[in-house]
N, C-alpha and C. Protein backbone atom coordinates (compact mmCIF):
# COMPACT_ATOMS: atom_id res chain seq x y z
N UNK A 1 -2.25 28.12 -1.97
CA UNK A 1 -1.30 27.34 -1.22
C UNK A 1 -0.02 28.16 -1.03
N UNK A 2 0.73 27.82 -0.02
CA UNK A 2 1.95 28.54 0.31
C UNK A 2 3.11 27.54 0.31
N UNK A 3 3.29 26.84 -0.78
CA UNK A 3 4.24 25.73 -0.83
C UNK A 3 5.70 26.15 -0.70
N UNK A 4 6.05 27.35 -1.16
CA UNK A 4 7.45 27.75 -1.12
C UNK A 4 7.92 28.14 0.28
N UNK A 5 7.03 28.10 1.26
CA UNK A 5 7.40 28.44 2.64
C UNK A 5 7.22 27.26 3.59
N UNK A 6 7.10 26.06 3.06
CA UNK A 6 6.91 24.90 3.93
C UNK A 6 8.15 24.68 4.79
N UNK A 7 9.32 24.63 4.19
CA UNK A 7 10.55 24.39 4.94
C UNK A 7 11.06 25.71 5.51
N UNK A 8 11.32 25.71 6.82
CA UNK A 8 11.91 26.89 7.47
C UNK A 8 13.41 26.90 7.18
N UNK A 9 13.86 27.93 6.48
CA UNK A 9 15.28 28.04 6.11
C UNK A 9 16.15 28.04 7.36
N UNK A 10 17.24 27.28 7.32
CA UNK A 10 18.21 27.27 8.42
C UNK A 10 17.86 26.37 9.59
N UNK A 11 16.87 25.46 9.43
CA UNK A 11 16.45 24.63 10.57
C UNK A 11 16.86 23.17 10.45
N UNK A 12 17.68 22.84 9.47
CA UNK A 12 18.14 21.47 9.31
C UNK A 12 19.06 21.10 10.47
N UNK A 13 18.72 20.03 11.19
CA UNK A 13 19.55 19.55 12.29
C UNK A 13 19.75 18.04 12.15
N UNK A 14 20.80 17.55 12.75
CA UNK A 14 21.06 16.12 12.74
C UNK A 14 21.77 15.73 14.02
N UNK A 15 21.39 14.56 14.53
CA UNK A 15 22.02 14.05 15.75
C UNK A 15 21.83 12.55 15.80
N UNK A 16 22.92 11.83 15.97
CA UNK A 16 22.89 10.38 16.12
C UNK A 16 22.12 9.68 14.99
N UNK A 17 22.34 10.13 13.75
CA UNK A 17 21.73 9.48 12.61
C UNK A 17 20.28 9.86 12.35
N UNK A 18 19.79 10.81 13.11
CA UNK A 18 18.40 11.28 12.93
C UNK A 18 18.44 12.74 12.48
N UNK A 19 17.69 13.04 11.44
CA UNK A 19 17.69 14.38 10.86
C UNK A 19 16.31 15.00 10.98
N UNK A 20 16.27 16.31 11.19
CA UNK A 20 15.00 17.01 11.36
C UNK A 20 15.03 18.36 10.66
N UNK A 21 13.84 18.84 10.33
CA UNK A 21 13.68 20.17 9.75
C UNK A 21 12.34 20.72 10.21
N UNK A 22 12.29 22.03 10.40
CA UNK A 22 11.03 22.66 10.80
C UNK A 22 10.21 22.98 9.56
N UNK A 23 8.91 22.78 9.67
CA UNK A 23 8.01 23.00 8.54
C UNK A 23 6.82 23.87 8.98
N UNK A 24 6.30 24.61 8.00
CA UNK A 24 5.13 25.46 8.23
C UNK A 24 3.97 24.95 7.40
N UNK A 25 2.79 25.17 7.88
CA UNK A 25 1.59 24.71 7.20
C UNK A 25 1.40 25.49 5.88
N UNK A 26 1.14 24.80 4.79
CA UNK A 26 0.93 25.49 3.52
C UNK A 26 -0.54 25.85 3.30
N UNK A 27 -1.19 26.26 4.35
CA UNK A 27 -2.62 26.56 4.31
C UNK A 27 -2.86 27.76 5.18
N UNK A 28 -3.96 28.44 5.01
CA UNK A 28 -4.20 29.69 5.73
C UNK A 28 -4.98 29.51 7.03
N UNK A 29 -5.43 28.28 7.32
CA UNK A 29 -6.16 28.02 8.55
C UNK A 29 -5.54 26.83 9.28
N UNK A 30 -5.77 26.76 10.57
CA UNK A 30 -5.27 25.65 11.39
C UNK A 30 -5.95 24.35 10.99
N UNK A 31 -5.22 23.26 11.18
CA UNK A 31 -5.75 21.92 10.91
C UNK A 31 -5.47 21.02 12.10
N UNK A 32 -6.41 20.12 12.43
CA UNK A 32 -6.12 19.15 13.50
C UNK A 32 -5.11 18.12 13.01
N UNK A 33 -4.43 17.48 13.93
CA UNK A 33 -3.44 16.46 13.58
C UNK A 33 -3.98 15.39 12.66
N UNK A 34 -5.26 15.06 12.79
CA UNK A 34 -5.85 14.01 11.96
C UNK A 34 -5.87 14.37 10.48
N UNK A 35 -5.69 15.64 10.15
CA UNK A 35 -5.68 16.07 8.75
C UNK A 35 -4.29 16.03 8.13
N UNK A 36 -3.28 15.70 8.93
CA UNK A 36 -1.93 15.56 8.40
C UNK A 36 -1.79 14.11 7.96
N UNK A 37 -2.00 13.88 6.68
CA UNK A 37 -2.10 12.52 6.15
C UNK A 37 -0.76 11.85 5.91
N UNK A 38 0.31 12.61 5.86
CA UNK A 38 1.62 12.00 5.64
C UNK A 38 2.64 13.03 5.23
N UNK A 39 3.90 12.61 5.24
CA UNK A 39 5.00 13.48 4.84
C UNK A 39 6.18 12.62 4.43
N UNK A 40 7.09 13.25 3.72
CA UNK A 40 8.35 12.59 3.36
C UNK A 40 9.46 13.61 3.57
N UNK A 41 10.62 13.12 3.98
CA UNK A 41 11.80 13.94 4.19
C UNK A 41 12.94 13.35 3.38
N UNK A 42 13.51 14.17 2.50
CA UNK A 42 14.62 13.73 1.65
C UNK A 42 15.75 14.74 1.76
N UNK A 43 16.96 14.25 1.96
CA UNK A 43 18.14 15.12 2.01
C UNK A 43 19.15 14.59 1.01
N UNK A 44 19.58 15.45 0.13
CA UNK A 44 20.55 15.10 -0.92
C UNK A 44 20.12 13.87 -1.71
N UNK A 45 18.84 13.77 -1.98
CA UNK A 45 18.30 12.69 -2.79
C UNK A 45 18.06 11.39 -2.06
N UNK A 46 18.33 11.34 -0.76
CA UNK A 46 18.12 10.14 0.05
C UNK A 46 16.93 10.37 0.97
N UNK A 47 15.95 9.49 0.88
CA UNK A 47 14.74 9.64 1.68
C UNK A 47 14.87 8.93 3.02
N UNK A 48 14.32 9.55 4.05
CA UNK A 48 14.24 8.90 5.36
C UNK A 48 13.22 7.76 5.25
N UNK A 49 13.51 6.61 5.86
CA UNK A 49 12.55 5.51 5.82
C UNK A 49 11.19 5.94 6.37
N UNK A 50 10.15 5.58 5.67
CA UNK A 50 8.80 6.01 6.04
C UNK A 50 8.44 5.64 7.47
N UNK A 51 8.83 4.46 7.91
CA UNK A 51 8.47 4.03 9.27
C UNK A 51 9.24 4.75 10.36
N UNK A 52 10.29 5.50 9.99
CA UNK A 52 11.07 6.23 10.98
C UNK A 52 10.60 7.68 11.13
N UNK A 53 9.72 8.13 10.24
CA UNK A 53 9.28 9.53 10.27
C UNK A 53 8.44 9.83 11.51
N UNK A 54 8.71 11.00 12.09
CA UNK A 54 7.96 11.47 13.24
C UNK A 54 7.58 12.93 13.03
N UNK A 55 6.45 13.30 13.58
CA UNK A 55 5.90 14.64 13.46
C UNK A 55 5.77 15.22 14.86
N UNK A 56 6.40 16.36 15.11
CA UNK A 56 6.32 16.99 16.42
C UNK A 56 5.64 18.34 16.28
N UNK A 57 4.57 18.53 17.04
CA UNK A 57 3.89 19.83 17.10
C UNK A 57 3.36 20.01 18.52
N UNK A 58 3.38 21.24 18.97
CA UNK A 58 2.90 21.56 20.32
C UNK A 58 3.62 20.71 21.38
N UNK A 59 4.91 20.47 21.16
CA UNK A 59 5.76 19.71 22.08
C UNK A 59 5.35 18.25 22.25
N UNK A 60 4.61 17.71 21.28
CA UNK A 60 4.24 16.29 21.30
C UNK A 60 4.71 15.66 19.99
N UNK A 61 5.20 14.43 20.06
CA UNK A 61 5.72 13.74 18.90
C UNK A 61 4.82 12.57 18.55
N UNK A 62 4.53 12.42 17.26
CA UNK A 62 3.62 11.40 16.76
C UNK A 62 4.22 10.67 15.57
N UNK A 63 3.85 9.40 15.42
CA UNK A 63 4.05 8.72 14.14
C UNK A 63 2.85 9.14 13.29
N UNK A 64 2.91 8.91 11.99
CA UNK A 64 1.76 9.28 11.17
C UNK A 64 0.56 8.38 11.43
N UNK A 65 0.80 7.18 11.89
CA UNK A 65 -0.31 6.30 12.29
C UNK A 65 -1.04 6.88 13.49
N UNK A 66 -0.29 7.47 14.43
CA UNK A 66 -0.91 8.06 15.62
C UNK A 66 -1.70 9.33 15.29
N UNK A 67 -1.31 10.02 14.23
CA UNK A 67 -2.00 11.25 13.86
C UNK A 67 -3.39 11.01 13.28
N UNK A 68 -3.65 9.81 12.77
CA UNK A 68 -4.92 9.51 12.10
C UNK A 68 -6.13 9.90 12.95
N UNK A 69 -6.08 9.64 14.25
CA UNK A 69 -7.20 9.93 15.14
C UNK A 69 -6.97 11.14 16.04
N UNK A 70 -5.91 11.90 15.78
CA UNK A 70 -5.54 13.00 16.68
C UNK A 70 -6.34 14.27 16.36
N UNK A 71 -7.30 14.56 17.21
CA UNK A 71 -8.10 15.77 17.03
C UNK A 71 -7.85 16.79 18.15
N UNK A 72 -7.04 16.42 19.12
CA UNK A 72 -6.77 17.32 20.25
C UNK A 72 -5.63 18.28 20.01
N UNK A 73 -4.74 17.95 19.08
CA UNK A 73 -3.61 18.83 18.77
C UNK A 73 -3.82 19.43 17.39
N UNK A 74 -3.60 20.73 17.29
CA UNK A 74 -3.81 21.45 16.04
C UNK A 74 -2.52 22.08 15.56
N UNK A 75 -2.36 22.14 14.24
CA UNK A 75 -1.21 22.80 13.61
C UNK A 75 -1.69 24.16 13.14
N UNK A 76 -1.11 25.21 13.70
CA UNK A 76 -1.54 26.57 13.42
C UNK A 76 -0.61 27.25 12.42
N UNK A 77 -1.12 28.16 11.60
CA UNK A 77 -0.30 28.81 10.58
C UNK A 77 0.93 29.54 11.10
N UNK A 78 0.90 30.01 12.33
CA UNK A 78 2.06 30.72 12.87
C UNK A 78 3.06 29.82 13.58
N UNK A 79 2.75 28.52 13.68
CA UNK A 79 3.61 27.58 14.41
C UNK A 79 4.35 26.64 13.46
N UNK A 80 5.59 26.37 13.79
CA UNK A 80 6.35 25.37 13.04
C UNK A 80 6.15 24.01 13.68
N UNK A 81 6.10 23.00 12.84
CA UNK A 81 6.15 21.62 13.31
C UNK A 81 7.53 21.10 12.92
N UNK A 82 7.92 19.95 13.48
CA UNK A 82 9.21 19.36 13.15
C UNK A 82 8.97 18.00 12.52
N UNK A 83 9.54 17.82 11.33
CA UNK A 83 9.51 16.53 10.65
C UNK A 83 10.89 15.93 10.80
N UNK A 84 10.95 14.69 11.32
CA UNK A 84 12.26 14.05 11.53
C UNK A 84 12.21 12.60 11.07
N UNK A 85 13.39 12.07 10.80
CA UNK A 85 13.49 10.68 10.39
C UNK A 85 14.91 10.17 10.49
N UNK A 86 15.05 8.85 10.44
CA UNK A 86 16.37 8.23 10.48
C UNK A 86 17.06 8.46 9.14
N UNK A 87 17.99 9.40 9.15
CA UNK A 87 18.67 9.79 7.94
C UNK A 87 19.98 10.47 8.32
N UNK A 88 21.10 9.75 8.24
CA UNK A 88 22.37 10.38 8.60
C UNK A 88 22.77 11.45 7.58
N UNK A 89 23.14 12.61 8.09
CA UNK A 89 23.58 13.72 7.25
C UNK A 89 24.88 14.24 7.83
N UNK A 90 25.85 14.46 6.98
CA UNK A 90 27.15 14.97 7.43
C UNK A 90 26.99 16.37 8.01
N UNK A 91 27.62 16.61 9.16
CA UNK A 91 27.53 17.91 9.81
C UNK A 91 28.64 18.85 9.35
N UNK A 92 29.18 18.60 8.17
CA UNK A 92 30.22 19.49 7.67
C UNK A 92 29.59 20.81 7.24
N UNK A 93 30.35 21.67 6.66
CA UNK A 93 29.84 23.00 6.31
C UNK A 93 29.30 23.06 4.89
N UNK A 94 29.00 21.93 4.30
CA UNK A 94 28.48 21.94 2.93
C UNK A 94 26.97 22.14 2.92
N UNK A 95 26.47 22.55 1.78
CA UNK A 95 25.04 22.77 1.58
C UNK A 95 24.36 21.43 1.29
N UNK A 96 23.15 21.28 1.77
CA UNK A 96 22.36 20.07 1.53
C UNK A 96 21.03 20.46 0.90
N UNK A 97 20.58 19.64 -0.05
CA UNK A 97 19.27 19.86 -0.64
C UNK A 97 18.25 19.12 0.22
N UNK A 98 17.30 19.86 0.78
CA UNK A 98 16.29 19.31 1.66
C UNK A 98 14.94 19.41 0.96
N UNK A 99 14.22 18.29 0.90
CA UNK A 99 12.89 18.28 0.29
C UNK A 99 11.89 17.72 1.30
N UNK A 100 10.75 18.38 1.39
CA UNK A 100 9.65 17.92 2.23
C UNK A 100 8.42 17.81 1.34
N UNK A 101 7.74 16.69 1.45
CA UNK A 101 6.47 16.46 0.77
C UNK A 101 5.41 16.31 1.85
N UNK A 102 4.31 17.03 1.72
CA UNK A 102 3.23 16.97 2.70
C UNK A 102 1.93 16.55 2.03
N UNK A 103 1.16 15.74 2.75
CA UNK A 103 -0.18 15.36 2.31
C UNK A 103 -1.14 15.79 3.41
N UNK A 104 -2.11 16.62 3.04
CA UNK A 104 -3.05 17.16 4.01
C UNK A 104 -4.48 16.99 3.52
N UNK A 105 -5.38 16.84 4.47
CA UNK A 105 -6.81 16.89 4.19
C UNK A 105 -7.34 18.22 4.69
N UNK A 106 -8.22 18.83 3.91
CA UNK A 106 -8.85 20.08 4.32
C UNK A 106 -10.31 19.73 4.61
N UNK A 107 -10.65 19.49 5.89
CA UNK A 107 -11.93 18.88 6.24
C UNK A 107 -13.16 19.72 5.95
N UNK A 108 -13.01 21.01 5.82
CA UNK A 108 -14.18 21.87 5.62
C UNK A 108 -14.40 22.22 4.15
N UNK A 109 -13.64 21.58 3.24
CA UNK A 109 -13.87 21.78 1.80
C UNK A 109 -14.20 20.42 1.20
N UNK A 110 -15.44 20.29 0.76
CA UNK A 110 -15.91 19.03 0.18
C UNK A 110 -16.00 19.20 -1.34
N UNK A 111 -15.42 18.25 -2.06
CA UNK A 111 -15.45 18.28 -3.52
C UNK A 111 -16.32 17.11 -4.02
N UNK A 112 -16.43 16.98 -5.31
CA UNK A 112 -17.16 15.85 -5.90
C UNK A 112 -16.52 14.52 -5.53
N UNK A 113 -15.24 14.56 -5.14
CA UNK A 113 -14.49 13.34 -4.80
C UNK A 113 -14.33 13.15 -3.30
N UNK A 114 -15.00 13.95 -2.50
CA UNK A 114 -14.90 13.86 -1.05
C UNK A 114 -14.14 15.05 -0.48
N UNK A 115 -13.58 14.86 0.71
CA UNK A 115 -12.83 15.92 1.38
C UNK A 115 -11.61 16.29 0.54
N UNK A 116 -11.34 17.59 0.45
CA UNK A 116 -10.20 18.06 -0.34
C UNK A 116 -8.90 17.48 0.21
N UNK A 117 -8.10 16.91 -0.66
CA UNK A 117 -6.79 16.34 -0.32
C UNK A 117 -5.76 17.12 -1.11
N UNK A 118 -4.78 17.70 -0.43
CA UNK A 118 -3.73 18.44 -1.14
C UNK A 118 -2.38 17.80 -0.86
N UNK A 119 -1.51 17.87 -1.85
CA UNK A 119 -0.13 17.43 -1.71
C UNK A 119 0.75 18.60 -2.10
N UNK A 120 1.60 19.01 -1.19
CA UNK A 120 2.49 20.14 -1.42
C UNK A 120 3.93 19.72 -1.21
N UNK A 121 4.85 20.41 -1.87
CA UNK A 121 6.26 20.06 -1.84
C UNK A 121 7.08 21.34 -1.74
N UNK A 122 8.21 21.24 -1.08
CA UNK A 122 9.14 22.36 -1.00
C UNK A 122 10.56 21.80 -0.97
N UNK A 123 11.46 22.51 -1.60
CA UNK A 123 12.88 22.14 -1.59
C UNK A 123 13.68 23.38 -1.27
N UNK A 124 14.61 23.24 -0.34
CA UNK A 124 15.51 24.33 0.03
C UNK A 124 16.93 23.78 0.13
N UNK A 125 17.88 24.65 -0.06
CA UNK A 125 19.28 24.30 0.11
C UNK A 125 19.79 24.99 1.37
N UNK A 126 20.41 24.22 2.28
CA UNK A 126 20.88 24.80 3.52
C UNK A 126 21.97 23.93 4.15
N UNK A 127 22.68 24.52 5.06
CA UNK A 127 23.69 23.80 5.85
C UNK A 127 23.02 23.28 7.11
N UNK A 128 23.66 22.31 7.75
CA UNK A 128 23.18 21.82 9.04
C UNK A 128 23.35 22.96 10.04
N UNK A 129 22.29 23.28 10.76
CA UNK A 129 22.32 24.37 11.74
C UNK A 129 23.24 24.01 12.89
N UNK A 130 24.01 24.97 13.34
CA UNK A 130 24.90 24.77 14.46
C UNK A 130 24.12 24.91 15.76
N UNK A 131 24.30 23.94 16.65
CA UNK A 131 23.59 23.97 17.94
C UNK A 131 24.38 24.69 18.98
């Protein structure tokens, strides 16, 4: 797993109470959207409400409910996706602790318990990127 590279350093943005960060796949092969089982975004210890989370990849934005059946869009190891949620963050010049939790299914690895399910986490400290 490549958990320490999930969050792209320097990509924290915020606008109108919505915060986003770019993330990279912690796996060595591409996965279809249906394998992205969930995520969480936390900044300075405050989590974005689960129902506000959105996942953007390949210029398309999805709720996690919409990703369940999404087999047409794939997340590739060289591409960043954007995880965003309703979470106001001050745009001052201070550092923020950003945490991303990802839940993924690896459909081509079958274990005694079914399809492999991985949960990966990354935390980085960064300022809000200037636009």
